[in-house]
Amino acid sequence: MATTSVGSIDFPQSKASGLRFADRRKLFLVALALPAVIYVVLVALWPLAQGIWYSFFDYNLLRGGGRRTFVGLANYAELWTDSTARRALVNTFIFTFAAVTIEFVFGLCLALLLWREGRFNRICLAFLLIPVTITPVVVGLIFRALLAVDYGFFGYYLAEWGISGPRGFLASTTAAMPVVILIDVWEWTPLVALILLAGLKSLPGDILEAASADGATAVQRFRLVVLPLLLPTVFLALVLRVMDAFRVFDTIFVTTGGGPGDTTNSLMVYGVKQGLQFFNIGFASAIGNVMILCIVVLCAAFTLLIRRADVRANER
């Protein structure tokens, strides 16, 4: 083993120290990232691969002692022949597009209102954080209690005045989905507003001042300057909300349970029922995989739209 002399003291030099600094740095970074990589593989990738594998089998824990029978794509074909699954898919798309659109419009308006610095705006910003900090299950329970026709703060009077009907909004086939969407809007609009507000705060002030000096109106500054510069932040907000809204479960499960009938049944709710209520693991895995595929397609579509909008904005 070679030695390195420092003053009058000789220190042994290991073979590992013969590596270049760049190589040692790479090994150090790999060692730092290895626990996180192992965690992701065990917690995310392995269950995902297992779900893909189970989706090709007729695997029901209540039949045949839990034996698996290979059926190929039969579980995916059943998704298109099962009317409940098709309704859940349509409901999921309706919920996602309606909730995310309303949240984006309201969030952008709130962000623009809170853009200016001031004590009042800072106080409002603090209150905006309250809905985001509450878990969706608790939010669903709160609104279920508020809209209950027998003891709810709002539901009782709405039923007495004949606005919601004798069973309430959550038991109405026409009003249940809009109410669930509004509950999601109440909870997640502040998050969209905070993301967009962070993007607005990061905009260069000199460009806005130059546009104002050139005589551009407030609408022109927003359309030609603010919105094009805000596109990356818009993309982040939309992708995060689409990914979360498409797999909605908590709010629907505790408020309507997917009912009345299948009015508010979503893919996530239907998949959980198939897997944990009927123990149809193969079909539930297929539902989960289709849901992941839909999320990937939607995010890819948003990416293309934002890129095209960015290119058009740069060409102006």
Protein backbone atom coordinates (compact mmCIF):
# COMPACT_ATOMS: atom_id res chain seq x y z
CA MET A 1 0.00 0.00 0.00
CA ALA A 2 1.41 3.40 -0.99
CA THR A 3 1.93 6.15 1.58
CA THR A 4 1.44 9.88 1.47
CA SER A 5 3.68 12.12 3.55
CA VAL A 6 2.27 15.19 5.27
CA GLY A 7 5.03 16.94 7.20
CA SER A 8 6.78 14.20 9.10
CA ILE A 9 3.77 11.84 9.24
CA ASP A 10 3.14 9.14 6.63
CA PHE A 11 -0.53 8.32 5.90
CA PRO A 12 -1.45 5.14 4.00
CA GLN A 13 -3.06 5.81 0.61
CA SER A 14 -5.72 3.29 -0.46
CA LYS A 15 -6.25 2.16 -4.01
CA ALA A 16 -9.65 3.91 -4.07
CA SER A 17 -7.91 7.25 -3.62
CA GLY A 18 -6.18 6.64 -6.94
CA LEU A 19 -9.48 7.36 -8.69
CA ARG A 20 -9.93 10.70 -10.32
CA PHE A 21 -11.92 13.35 -8.47
CA ALA A 22 -14.74 13.16 -11.03
CA ASP A 23 -15.01 9.38 -10.57
CA ARG A 24 -15.04 9.68 -6.77
CA ARG A 25 -17.71 12.37 -7.03
CA LYS A 26 -19.86 10.12 -9.22
CA LEU A 27 -19.51 7.25 -6.74
CA PHE A 28 -20.46 9.57 -3.91
CA LEU A 29 -23.55 10.80 -5.74
CA VAL A 30 -24.56 7.24 -6.62
CA ALA A 31 -24.20 6.26 -2.97
CA LEU A 32 -26.42 9.19 -1.97
CA ALA A 33 -29.10 8.35 -4.54
CA LEU A 34 -29.07 4.58 -4.02
CA PRO A 35 -31.42 4.49 -0.96
CA ALA A 36 -33.97 6.66 -2.79
CA VAL A 37 -33.72 4.49 -5.91
CA ILE A 38 -34.25 1.33 -3.88
CA TYR A 39 -37.26 2.93 -2.16
CA VAL A 40 -38.83 3.95 -5.48
CA VAL A 41 -38.28 0.47 -6.94
CA LEU A 42 -39.82 -1.28 -3.93
CA VAL A 43 -42.71 1.13 -3.32
CA ALA A 44 -43.61 2.30 -6.85
CA LEU A 45 -42.07 0.31 -9.69
CA TRP A 46 -42.49 -3.17 -8.21
CA PRO A 47 -46.22 -2.75 -7.39
CA LEU A 48 -46.73 -1.20 -10.85
CA ALA A 49 -45.07 -4.17 -12.56
CA GLN A 50 -47.07 -6.55 -10.38
CA GLY A 51 -50.30 -4.78 -11.32
CA ILE A 52 -49.48 -5.05 -15.02
CA TRP A 53 -48.75 -8.77 -14.55
CA TYR A 54 -51.97 -9.45 -12.63
CA SER A 55 -54.05 -7.67 -15.28
CA PHE A 56 -53.42 -10.56 -17.68
CA PHE A 57 -54.92 -13.12 -15.29
CA ASP A 58 -58.35 -14.07 -14.02
CA TYR A 59 -57.37 -13.58 -10.39
CA ASN A 60 -60.17 -13.48 -7.84
CA LEU A 61 -59.43 -14.23 -4.20
CA LEU A 62 -63.01 -15.47 -3.67
CA ARG A 63 -62.92 -18.03 -6.48
CA GLY A 64 -60.83 -21.14 -6.92
CA GLY A 65 -58.80 -20.64 -3.80
CA GLY A 66 -57.11 -17.59 -5.27
CA ARG A 67 -55.69 -19.43 -8.27
CA ARG A 68 -54.61 -17.38 -11.27
CA THR A 69 -55.67 -18.25 -14.82
CA PHE A 70 -54.01 -16.52 -17.75
CA VAL A 71 -56.63 -14.73 -19.89
CA GLY A 72 -54.50 -12.31 -21.89
CA LEU A 73 -56.31 -9.06 -22.65
CA ALA A 74 -59.71 -10.31 -21.48
CA ASN A 75 -59.75 -7.97 -18.48
CA TYR A 76 -59.09 -4.97 -20.73
CA ALA A 77 -61.80 -6.13 -23.16
CA GLU A 78 -64.21 -6.35 -20.24
CA LEU A 79 -63.60 -2.66 -19.53
CA TRP A 80 -65.24 -1.78 -22.86
CA THR A 81 -68.10 -4.26 -22.51
CA ASP A 82 -68.91 -3.41 -18.88
CA SER A 83 -71.38 -0.52 -18.84
CA THR A 84 -70.38 0.43 -15.28
CA ALA A 85 -66.72 0.70 -16.27
CA ARG A 86 -67.57 2.81 -19.32
CA ARG A 87 -69.71 5.11 -17.19
CA ALA A 88 -66.90 5.41 -14.65
CA LEU A 89 -64.45 6.34 -17.42
CA VAL A 90 -66.79 9.02 -18.78
CA ASN A 91 -67.44 10.37 -15.27
CA THR A 92 -63.70 10.57 -14.62
CA PHE A 93 -63.09 12.62 -17.77
CA ILE A 94 -66.04 14.90 -17.00
CA PHE A 95 -64.86 15.43 -13.43
CA THR A 96 -61.25 16.05 -14.47
CA PHE A 97 -61.93 18.55 -17.24
CA ALA A 98 -64.66 20.43 -15.36
CA ALA A 99 -62.76 20.64 -12.06
CA VAL A 100 -59.38 21.55 -13.57
CA THR A 101 -60.89 24.16 -15.90
CA ILE A 102 -62.78 25.92 -13.11
CA GLU A 103 -59.79 25.70 -10.76
CA PHE A 104 -57.49 27.19 -13.38
CA VAL A 105 -59.82 30.11 -14.19
CA PHE A 106 -60.51 30.94 -10.54
CA GLY A 107 -56.87 30.33 -9.57
CA LEU A 108 -55.60 32.67 -12.28
CA CYS A 109 -58.05 35.37 -11.17
CA LEU A 110 -56.96 35.00 -7.54
CA ALA A 111 -53.29 35.08 -8.52
CA LEU A 112 -53.78 38.28 -10.50
CA LEU A 113 -55.65 39.88 -7.58
CA LEU A 114 -52.88 38.93 -5.12
CA TRP A 115 -50.04 39.89 -7.47
CA ARG A 116 -49.49 43.30 -5.92
CA GLU A 117 -47.57 43.50 -2.66
CA GLY A 118 -49.55 44.57 0.38
CA ARG A 119 -50.56 43.58 3.90
CA PHE A 120 -54.10 42.71 2.86
CA ASN A 121 -52.86 40.45 0.07
CA ARG A 122 -50.45 38.69 2.44
CA ILE A 123 -53.30 38.06 4.89
CA CYS A 124 -55.50 36.67 2.10
CA LEU A 125 -52.62 34.50 0.94
CA ALA A 126 -52.35 32.98 4.41
CA PHE A 127 -56.07 32.13 4.43
CA LEU A 128 -55.73 30.56 0.97
CA LEU A 129 -53.48 27.89 2.47
CA ILE A 130 -56.23 26.54 4.74
CA PRO A 131 -58.13 24.35 2.21
CA VAL A 132 -54.88 22.91 0.84
CA THR A 133 -53.77 21.74 4.28
CA ILE A 134 -56.95 19.72 4.87
CA THR A 135 -56.94 16.14 3.60
CA PRO A 136 -59.55 15.25 0.95
CA VAL A 137 -61.22 12.73 3.27
CA VAL A 138 -61.82 15.41 5.90
CA VAL A 139 -63.04 17.86 3.24
CA GLY A 140 -65.52 15.27 1.99
CA LEU A 141 -66.78 14.56 5.50
CA ILE A 142 -67.18 18.29 6.22
CA PHE A 143 -69.24 18.92 3.08
CA ARG A 144 -71.28 15.75 3.61
CA ALA A 145 -72.18 17.05 7.06
CA LEU A 146 -72.94 20.54 5.75
CA LEU A 147 -75.20 19.20 2.97
CA ALA A 148 -77.02 16.58 5.05
CA VAL A 149 -80.78 17.21 4.86
CA ASP A 150 -81.52 16.24 8.46
CA TYR A 151 -78.80 18.11 10.37
CA GLY A 152 -76.63 19.92 7.80
CA PHE A 153 -76.06 23.65 8.17
CA PHE A 154 -76.86 24.22 4.49
CA GLY A 155 -78.60 20.98 3.53
CA TYR A 156 -81.44 21.34 6.02
CA TYR A 157 -82.52 24.80 4.80
CA LEU A 158 -81.97 23.92 1.13
CA ALA A 159 -84.29 20.93 1.56
CA GLU A 160 -86.85 22.97 3.52
CA TRP A 161 -86.96 25.62 0.80
CA GLY A 162 -87.31 22.95 -1.89
CA ILE A 163 -84.03 23.80 -3.60
CA SER A 164 -82.24 20.50 -3.13
CA GLY A 165 -85.16 18.11 -2.89
CA PRO A 166 -86.04 15.94 0.11
CA ARG A 167 -82.88 13.79 -0.17
CA GLY A 168 -80.36 16.55 -0.71
CA PHE A 169 -77.90 17.40 -3.46
CA LEU A 170 -75.60 14.43 -2.85
CA ALA A 171 -78.48 12.00 -3.42
CA SER A 172 -79.63 13.70 -6.62
CA THR A 173 -78.70 12.10 -9.95
CA THR A 174 -78.47 15.52 -11.59
CA ALA A 175 -76.77 17.53 -8.84
CA ALA A 176 -74.37 15.02 -7.26
CA MET A 177 -71.61 15.35 -9.87
CA PRO A 178 -71.66 19.19 -9.97
CA VAL A 179 -71.55 19.28 -6.17
CA VAL A 180 -68.59 16.89 -6.03
CA ILE A 181 -66.81 19.01 -8.65
CA LEU A 182 -67.44 22.17 -6.62
CA ILE A 183 -66.06 20.49 -3.50
CA ASP A 184 -62.87 19.68 -5.40
CA VAL A 185 -62.76 23.26 -6.72
CA TRP A 186 -63.05 24.65 -3.20
CA GLU A 187 -60.15 22.54 -2.00
CA TRP A 188 -57.66 22.81 -4.86
CA THR A 189 -58.25 26.26 -6.39
CA PRO A 190 -55.94 27.84 -3.76
CA LEU A 191 -53.13 25.48 -4.80
CA VAL A 192 -53.49 26.51 -8.46
CA ALA A 193 -53.58 30.15 -7.38
CA LEU A 194 -50.39 29.75 -5.34
CA ILE A 195 -48.55 28.09 -8.23
CA LEU A 196 -49.64 30.77 -10.69
CA LEU A 197 -48.86 33.52 -8.17
CA ALA A 198 -45.33 32.16 -7.82
CA GLY A 199 -45.00 32.33 -11.60
CA LEU A 200 -46.29 35.90 -11.67
CA LYS A 201 -43.87 36.95 -8.94
CA SER A 202 -40.95 35.59 -11.00
CA LEU A 203 -41.78 37.61 -14.13
CA PRO A 204 -39.18 40.25 -15.03
CA GLY A 205 -40.49 43.65 -14.08
CA ASP A 206 -38.51 45.54 -16.72
CA ILE A 207 -40.42 43.83 -19.55
CA LEU A 208 -43.76 44.78 -18.01
CA GLU A 209 -42.58 48.35 -17.46
CA ALA A 210 -41.38 48.56 -21.09
CA ALA A 211 -44.74 47.30 -22.35
CA SER A 212 -46.54 49.85 -20.19
CA ALA A 213 -44.26 52.63 -21.43
CA ASP A 214 -45.05 51.64 -25.03
CA GLY A 215 -48.72 52.34 -24.36
CA ALA A 216 -49.98 48.76 -24.01
CA THR A 217 -53.24 48.44 -22.10
CA ALA A 218 -53.67 46.06 -19.17
CA VAL A 219 -55.41 43.51 -21.39
CA GLN A 220 -52.67 43.74 -24.02
CA ARG A 221 -49.94 43.35 -21.40
CA PHE A 222 -51.67 40.27 -20.02
CA ARG A 223 -52.32 38.67 -23.42
CA LEU A 224 -49.02 39.52 -25.13
CA VAL A 225 -46.53 39.63 -22.25
CA VAL A 226 -47.77 38.02 -19.04
CA LEU A 227 -49.52 34.95 -20.45
CA PRO A 228 -46.69 33.84 -22.80
CA LEU A 229 -44.13 34.19 -20.00
CA LEU A 230 -46.45 32.34 -17.63
CA LEU A 231 -46.85 29.27 -19.88
CA PRO A 232 -44.32 27.05 -18.01
CA THR A 233 -46.10 27.75 -14.73
CA VAL A 234 -49.48 27.13 -16.36
CA PHE A 235 -48.17 23.81 -17.63
CA LEU A 236 -47.00 22.81 -14.15
CA ALA A 237 -50.33 23.74 -12.54
CA LEU A 238 -52.43 21.96 -15.16
CA VAL A 239 -50.36 18.77 -15.17
CA LEU A 240 -50.34 18.50 -11.38
CA ARG A 241 -54.08 19.02 -11.15
CA VAL A 242 -54.94 16.69 -14.05
CA MET A 243 -52.84 13.90 -12.55
CA ASP A 244 -54.50 14.36 -9.17
CA ALA A 245 -58.08 14.95 -10.38
CA PHE A 246 -58.11 11.96 -12.72
CA ARG A 247 -57.42 9.61 -9.82
CA VAL A 248 -59.95 11.21 -7.49
CA PHE A 249 -61.16 8.82 -4.80
CA ASP A 250 -61.32 10.27 -1.29
CA THR A 251 -63.86 13.03 -1.83
CA ILE A 252 -66.24 10.90 -3.89
CA PHE A 253 -65.95 7.86 -1.65
CA VAL A 254 -66.89 9.70 1.58
CA THR A 255 -69.60 11.92 0.06
CA THR A 256 -71.52 9.80 -2.45
CA GLY A 257 -69.68 6.47 -2.59
CA GLY A 258 -69.96 6.66 -6.38
CA GLY A 259 -73.73 7.07 -6.32
CA PRO A 260 -76.55 7.67 -6.61
CA GLY A 261 -76.43 4.76 -9.00
CA ASP A 262 -73.24 5.32 -10.98
CA THR A 263 -73.64 9.08 -11.30
CA THR A 264 -70.37 9.97 -9.55
CA ASN A 265 -68.58 6.65 -9.96
CA SER A 266 -64.98 7.24 -11.08
CA LEU A 267 -62.33 4.83 -12.34
CA MET A 268 -60.48 4.98 -9.04
CA VAL A 269 -63.60 4.32 -7.00
CA TYR A 270 -64.66 1.49 -9.31
CA GLY A 271 -61.19 -0.03 -9.22
CA VAL A 272 -61.03 0.08 -5.42
CA LYS A 273 -64.45 -1.56 -5.20
CA GLN A 274 -63.40 -4.32 -7.59
CA GLY A 275 -60.16 -4.96 -5.74
CA LEU A 276 -61.10 -4.53 -2.08
CA GLN A 277 -64.84 -5.29 -2.07
CA PHE A 278 -65.16 -8.03 -4.68
CA PHE A 279 -61.46 -9.07 -4.53
CA ASN A 280 -61.29 -9.20 -8.34
CA ILE A 281 -57.58 -8.45 -8.44
CA GLY A 282 -57.08 -9.04 -12.17
CA PHE A 283 -59.87 -6.70 -13.28
CA ALA A 284 -58.92 -4.07 -10.69
CA SER A 285 -55.33 -4.15 -11.96
CA ALA A 286 -56.55 -3.59 -15.52
CA ILE A 287 -58.60 -0.58 -14.36
CA GLY A 288 -55.54 0.88 -12.65
CA ASN A 289 -53.37 0.41 -15.74
CA VAL A 290 -55.96 2.06 -17.99
CA MET A 291 -56.12 4.97 -15.57
CA ILE A 292 -52.33 5.40 -15.64
CA LEU A 293 -52.38 5.25 -19.46
CA CYS A 294 -55.06 7.94 -19.62
CA ILE A 295 -53.04 10.19 -17.30
CA VAL A 296 -49.94 9.76 -19.47
CA VAL A 297 -51.91 10.59 -22.62
CA LEU A 298 -53.47 13.69 -21.03
CA CYS A 299 -50.10 14.95 -19.78
CA ALA A 300 -48.55 14.36 -23.20
CA ALA A 301 -51.40 16.31 -24.81
CA PHE A 302 -50.86 19.21 -22.40
CA THR A 303 -47.14 19.15 -23.19
CA LEU A 304 -47.80 19.44 -26.93
CA LEU A 305 -50.35 22.22 -26.46
CA ILE A 306 -48.07 24.26 -24.20
CA ARG A 307 -45.12 23.81 -26.57
CA ARG A 308 -47.17 24.97 -29.55
CA ALA A 309 -48.44 27.96 -27.60
CA ASP A 310 -44.87 28.78 -26.54
CA VAL A 311 -43.65 28.59 -30.15
CA ARG A 312 -46.46 30.87 -31.35
CA ALA A 313 -45.73 33.34 -28.55
CA ASN A 314 -42.04 33.45 -29.49
CA GLU A 315 -42.86 34.01 -33.17
CA ARG A 316 -44.78 37.18 -32.41
